[in-house]
Amino acid sequence: MDEPILFETKPAPRSFLIAYVAAFICLQAPFRPGTGPFHMSQWVGVPLFFIILILVFLKWRNSVYTLTSSRITAQTGFFSVTVTELPVTEVAVVHVLRGLTSRALKVGHFHIYSKDNRRAVKFFGVPHPDEVYQKIQQAVAAVAVKKECVPG
């Protein structure tokens, strides 16, 4: 299908801040024995540091969120990719979740629910969430107007 793409984005790298902090703790803990509650050997800490960073990279690389004039799509996964799709005509509710950390990082998480409440598309760590929310609302409104204009 050749649909115009209204927006396409990946999670903002800054949205993974907690994972970066965890990776840093894993890297530092083996080289600072006896400090703090984290007692691990370098044989655990250093590989754990790299595992966390690799998983963050894979989540970032494999996540793409797209809004077209007719559908909303979330492509996510670590090792395999899952695509979740919802027609814009089926959108009932758009929740934007912005906790303290999300607001500080200027990102938002979206849960977009279908009218039958059986399906949801979820976006993690979306940059400029207010703009994205407006674009989703505009797409839903445009489809509603087209539906009203169709005779019959």
C-alpha atoms as a PDB file:
ATOM      1  CA  MET A   1       0.000   0.000   0.000  1.00  0.00           C
ATOM      2  CA  ASP A   2       1.182   3.463  -0.800  1.00  0.00           C
ATOM      3  CA  GLU A   3      -0.026   5.429   2.177  1.00  0.00           C
ATOM      4  CA  PRO A   4       1.429   8.758   3.189  1.00  0.00           C
ATOM      5  CA  ILE A   5       3.506   8.403   6.342  1.00  0.00           C
ATOM      6  CA  LEU A   6       2.437  11.054   8.838  1.00  0.00           C
ATOM      7  CA  PHE A   7       5.246  10.210  11.230  1.00  0.00           C
ATOM      8  CA  GLU A   8       7.782   7.486  11.845  1.00  0.00           C
ATOM      9  CA  THR A   9      10.098   7.334  14.825  1.00  0.00           C
ATOM     10  CA  LYS A  10      12.214   5.132  17.027  1.00  0.00           C
ATOM     11  CA  PRO A  11      12.452   5.267  20.801  1.00  0.00           C
ATOM     12  CA  ALA A  12      14.625   8.177  21.881  1.00  0.00           C
ATOM     13  CA  PRO A  13      18.017   6.859  23.076  1.00  0.00           C
ATOM     14  CA  ARG A  14      17.570   8.920  26.242  1.00  0.00           C
ATOM     15  CA  SER A  15      14.471   6.866  27.110  1.00  0.00           C
ATOM     16  CA  PHE A  16      16.787   4.004  28.074  1.00  0.00           C
ATOM     17  CA  LEU A  17      18.388   6.026  30.896  1.00  0.00           C
ATOM     18  CA  ILE A  18      17.563   3.469  33.596  1.00  0.00           C
ATOM     19  CA  ALA A  19      19.212   0.712  31.558  1.00  0.00           C
ATOM     20  CA  TYR A  20      22.309   2.902  31.111  1.00  0.00           C
ATOM     21  CA  VAL A  21      22.466   3.468  34.877  1.00  0.00           C
ATOM     22  CA  ALA A  22      22.142  -0.276  35.523  1.00  0.00           C
ATOM     23  CA  ALA A  23      24.903  -0.982  33.004  1.00  0.00           C
ATOM     24  CA  PHE A  24      27.154   1.629  34.642  1.00  0.00           C
ATOM     25  CA  ILE A  25      26.562   0.082  38.084  1.00  0.00           C
ATOM     26  CA  CYS A  26      27.445  -3.359  36.698  1.00  0.00           C
ATOM     27  CA  LEU A  27      30.640  -1.956  35.218  1.00  0.00           C
ATOM     28  CA  GLN A  28      31.700  -0.021  38.321  1.00  0.00           C
ATOM     29  CA  ALA A  29      30.803  -2.544  41.037  1.00  0.00           C
ATOM     30  CA  PRO A  30      33.594  -5.074  40.366  1.00  0.00           C
ATOM     31  CA  PHE A  31      36.270  -2.385  40.508  1.00  0.00           C
ATOM     32  CA  ARG A  32      35.031  -0.885  43.789  1.00  0.00           C
ATOM     33  CA  PRO A  33      34.932  -3.827  46.189  1.00  0.00           C
ATOM     34  CA  GLY A  34      33.279  -3.260  49.530  1.00  0.00           C
ATOM     35  CA  THR A  35      31.415  -0.098  48.485  1.00  0.00           C
ATOM     36  CA  GLY A  36      27.668  -0.111  48.370  1.00  0.00           C
ATOM     37  CA  PRO A  37      25.295  -3.044  48.190  1.00  0.00           C
ATOM     38  CA  PHE A  38      26.646  -4.371  44.879  1.00  0.00           C
ATOM     39  CA  HIS A  39      29.270  -7.066  45.382  1.00  0.00           C
ATOM     40  CA  MET A  40      30.075  -8.815  42.124  1.00  0.00           C
ATOM     41  CA  SER A  41      33.219 -10.009  40.473  1.00  0.00           C
ATOM     42  CA  GLN A  42      34.504  -8.489  37.281  1.00  0.00           C
ATOM     43  CA  TRP A  43      33.632 -11.787  35.604  1.00  0.00           C
ATOM     44  CA  VAL A  44      29.976 -10.991  36.215  1.00  0.00           C
ATOM     45  CA  GLY A  45      29.926  -7.182  36.117  1.00  0.00           C
ATOM     46  CA  VAL A  46      31.732  -6.550  32.839  1.00  0.00           C
ATOM     47  CA  PRO A  47      29.780  -9.120  30.763  1.00  0.00           C
ATOM     48  CA  LEU A  48      26.549  -7.903  32.350  1.00  0.00           C
ATOM     49  CA  PHE A  49      27.464  -4.346  31.301  1.00  0.00           C
ATOM     50  CA  PHE A  50      27.841  -5.444  27.679  1.00  0.00           C
ATOM     51  CA  ILE A  51      24.717  -7.634  27.749  1.00  0.00           C
ATOM     52  CA  ILE A  52      22.609  -4.704  28.956  1.00  0.00           C
ATOM     53  CA  LEU A  53      24.024  -2.383  26.292  1.00  0.00           C
ATOM     54  CA  ILE A  54      23.493  -4.978  23.548  1.00  0.00           C
ATOM     55  CA  LEU A  55      19.872  -5.536  24.623  1.00  0.00           C
ATOM     56  CA  VAL A  56      19.231  -1.781  24.688  1.00  0.00           C
ATOM     57  CA  PHE A  57      20.754  -1.440  21.227  1.00  0.00           C
ATOM     58  CA  LEU A  58      18.664  -4.333  19.852  1.00  0.00           C
ATOM     59  CA  LYS A  59      15.456  -2.895  21.345  1.00  0.00           C
ATOM     60  CA  TRP A  60      16.266   0.522  19.884  1.00  0.00           C
ATOM     61  CA  ARG A  61      17.282  -0.847  16.467  1.00  0.00           C
ATOM     62  CA  ASN A  62      14.285  -3.154  16.119  1.00  0.00           C
ATOM     63  CA  SER A  63      11.655  -0.646  17.278  1.00  0.00           C
ATOM     64  CA  VAL A  64       9.906   1.551  14.744  1.00  0.00           C
ATOM     65  CA  TYR A  65       6.627   3.352  15.333  1.00  0.00           C
ATOM     66  CA  THR A  66       4.658   4.517  12.306  1.00  0.00           C
ATOM     67  CA  LEU A  67       1.466   6.471  11.708  1.00  0.00           C
ATOM     68  CA  THR A  68       0.047   6.552   8.214  1.00  0.00           C
ATOM     69  CA  SER A  69      -3.232   7.989   7.026  1.00  0.00           C
ATOM     70  CA  SER A  70      -4.908   4.631   7.607  1.00  0.00           C
ATOM     71  CA  ARG A  71      -3.000   2.687  10.283  1.00  0.00           C
ATOM     72  CA  ILE A  72      -0.787   2.802  13.343  1.00  0.00           C
ATOM     73  CA  THR A  73       2.056   0.293  13.496  1.00  0.00           C
ATOM     74  CA  ALA A  74       4.548  -0.690  16.175  1.00  0.00           C
ATOM     75  CA  GLN A  75       7.448  -2.900  15.170  1.00  0.00           C
ATOM     76  CA  THR A  76       9.291  -4.141  18.276  1.00  0.00           C
ATOM     77  CA  GLY A  77      11.492  -6.947  19.574  1.00  0.00           C
ATOM     78  CA  PHE A  78      14.936  -8.006  20.691  1.00  0.00           C
ATOM     79  CA  PHE A  79      15.873 -11.003  18.574  1.00  0.00           C
ATOM     80  CA  SER A  80      12.680 -11.466  16.596  1.00  0.00           C
ATOM     81  CA  VAL A  81      10.487  -8.633  15.446  1.00  0.00           C
ATOM     82  CA  THR A  82       6.775  -8.375  16.218  1.00  0.00           C
ATOM     83  CA  VAL A  83       4.537  -6.024  14.264  1.00  0.00           C
ATOM     84  CA  THR A  84       1.358  -4.750  15.919  1.00  0.00           C
ATOM     85  CA  GLU A  85      -1.050  -2.833  13.735  1.00  0.00           C
ATOM     86  CA  LEU A  86      -4.287  -0.964  14.337  1.00  0.00           C
ATOM     87  CA  PRO A  87      -6.386   0.715  11.653  1.00  0.00           C
ATOM     88  CA  VAL A  88      -6.902   4.407  12.397  1.00  0.00           C
ATOM     89  CA  THR A  89     -10.648   3.818  11.962  1.00  0.00           C
ATOM     90  CA  GLU A  90     -10.535   1.475  14.985  1.00  0.00           C
ATOM     91  CA  VAL A  91      -8.764   3.859  17.396  1.00  0.00           C
ATOM     92  CA  ALA A  92     -10.874   4.538  20.479  1.00  0.00           C
ATOM     93  CA  VAL A  93      -8.474   5.800  23.142  1.00  0.00           C
ATOM     94  CA  VAL A  94      -4.941   7.173  23.101  1.00  0.00           C
ATOM     95  CA  HIS A  95      -3.188   7.205  26.454  1.00  0.00           C
ATOM     96  CA  VAL A  96       0.082   9.082  26.803  1.00  0.00           C
ATOM     97  CA  LEU A  97       2.007   7.955  29.862  1.00  0.00           C
ATOM     98  CA  ARG A  98       4.528  10.458  31.188  1.00  0.00           C
ATOM     99  CA  GLY A  99       5.907   9.828  34.643  1.00  0.00           C
ATOM    100  CA  LEU A 100       8.510  11.937  36.375  1.00  0.00           C
ATOM    101  CA  THR A 101      11.424  10.357  34.530  1.00  0.00           C
ATOM    102  CA  SER A 102       9.655  10.527  31.162  1.00  0.00           C
ATOM    103  CA  ARG A 103       8.850  14.207  31.622  1.00  0.00           C
ATOM    104  CA  ALA A 104      12.445  14.949  32.595  1.00  0.00           C
ATOM    105  CA  LEU A 105      13.702  13.073  29.510  1.00  0.00           C
ATOM    106  CA  LYS A 106      11.019  14.665  27.285  1.00  0.00           C
ATOM    107  CA  VAL A 107       9.656  11.325  26.095  1.00  0.00           C
ATOM    108  CA  GLY A 108       6.303   9.596  26.389  1.00  0.00           C
ATOM    109  CA  HIS A 109       4.888   6.109  26.213  1.00  0.00           C
ATOM    110  CA  PHE A 110       1.717   5.551  24.202  1.00  0.00           C
ATOM    111  CA  HIS A 111      -1.033   2.968  24.609  1.00  0.00           C
ATOM    112  CA  ILE A 112      -3.456   3.196  21.695  1.00  0.00           C
ATOM    113  CA  TYR A 113      -6.577   1.056  22.175  1.00  0.00           C
ATOM    114  CA  SER A 114      -9.076  -0.273  19.651  1.00  0.00           C
ATOM    115  CA  LYS A 115     -12.817   0.326  19.891  1.00  0.00           C
ATOM    116  CA  ASP A 116     -13.434  -3.269  20.956  1.00  0.00           C
ATOM    117  CA  ASN A 117     -10.684  -2.899  23.598  1.00  0.00           C
ATOM    118  CA  ARG A 118      -9.133  -6.189  22.484  1.00  0.00           C
ATOM    119  CA  ARG A 119      -6.148  -4.711  20.698  1.00  0.00           C
ATOM    120  CA  ALA A 120      -3.584  -2.112  21.649  1.00  0.00           C
ATOM    121  CA  VAL A 121      -0.537  -0.659  19.987  1.00  0.00           C
ATOM    122  CA  LYS A 122       2.172   0.453  22.409  1.00  0.00           C
ATOM    123  CA  PHE A 123       4.994   2.890  21.773  1.00  0.00           C
ATOM    124  CA  PHE A 124       7.913   3.206  24.219  1.00  0.00           C
ATOM    125  CA  GLY A 125      10.059   6.310  24.715  1.00  0.00           C
ATOM    126  CA  VAL A 126       8.643   8.444  21.915  1.00  0.00           C
ATOM    127  CA  PRO A 127      10.379  11.824  21.557  1.00  0.00           C
ATOM    128  CA  HIS A 128       8.134  14.919  21.404  1.00  0.00           C
ATOM    129  CA  PRO A 129       5.058  13.097  22.741  1.00  0.00           C
ATOM    130  CA  ASP A 130       2.781  16.149  22.538  1.00  0.00           C
ATOM    131  CA  GLU A 131       3.418  16.520  18.809  1.00  0.00           C
ATOM    132  CA  VAL A 132       2.924  12.792  18.208  1.00  0.00           C
ATOM    133  CA  TYR A 133      -0.335  12.837  20.191  1.00  0.00           C
ATOM    134  CA  GLN A 134      -1.614  15.720  18.044  1.00  0.00           C
ATOM    135  CA  LYS A 135      -0.706  13.852  14.840  1.00  0.00           C
ATOM    136  CA  ILE A 136      -2.554  10.736  16.000  1.00  0.00           C
ATOM    137  CA  GLN A 137      -5.619  12.794  16.945  1.00  0.00           C
ATOM    138  CA  GLN A 138      -5.536  14.591  13.577  1.00  0.00           C
ATOM    139  CA  ALA A 139      -5.333  11.277  11.690  1.00  0.00           C
ATOM    140  CA  VAL A 140      -8.280   9.857  13.658  1.00  0.00           C
ATOM    141  CA  ALA A 141     -10.303  13.041  13.059  1.00  0.00           C
ATOM    142  CA  ALA A 142      -9.479  13.035   9.330  1.00  0.00           C
ATOM    143  CA  VAL A 143     -10.718   9.462   8.968  1.00  0.00           C
ATOM    144  CA  ALA A 144     -13.906  10.324  10.880  1.00  0.00           C
ATOM    145  CA  VAL A 145     -14.552  13.284   8.539  1.00  0.00           C
ATOM    146  CA  LYS A 146     -13.984  11.087   5.461  1.00  0.00           C
ATOM    147  CA  LYS A 147     -16.374   8.495   6.877  1.00  0.00           C
ATOM    148  CA  GLU A 148     -19.087  11.147   7.371  1.00  0.00           C
ATOM    149  CA  CYS A 149     -18.615  12.521   3.850  1.00  0.00           C
ATOM    150  CA  VAL A 150     -19.121   9.145   2.169  1.00  0.00           C
ATOM    151  CA  PRO A 151     -22.711   8.938   0.917  1.00  0.00           C
ATOM    152  CA  GLY A 152     -24.788   5.971   1.870  1.00  0.00           C
END
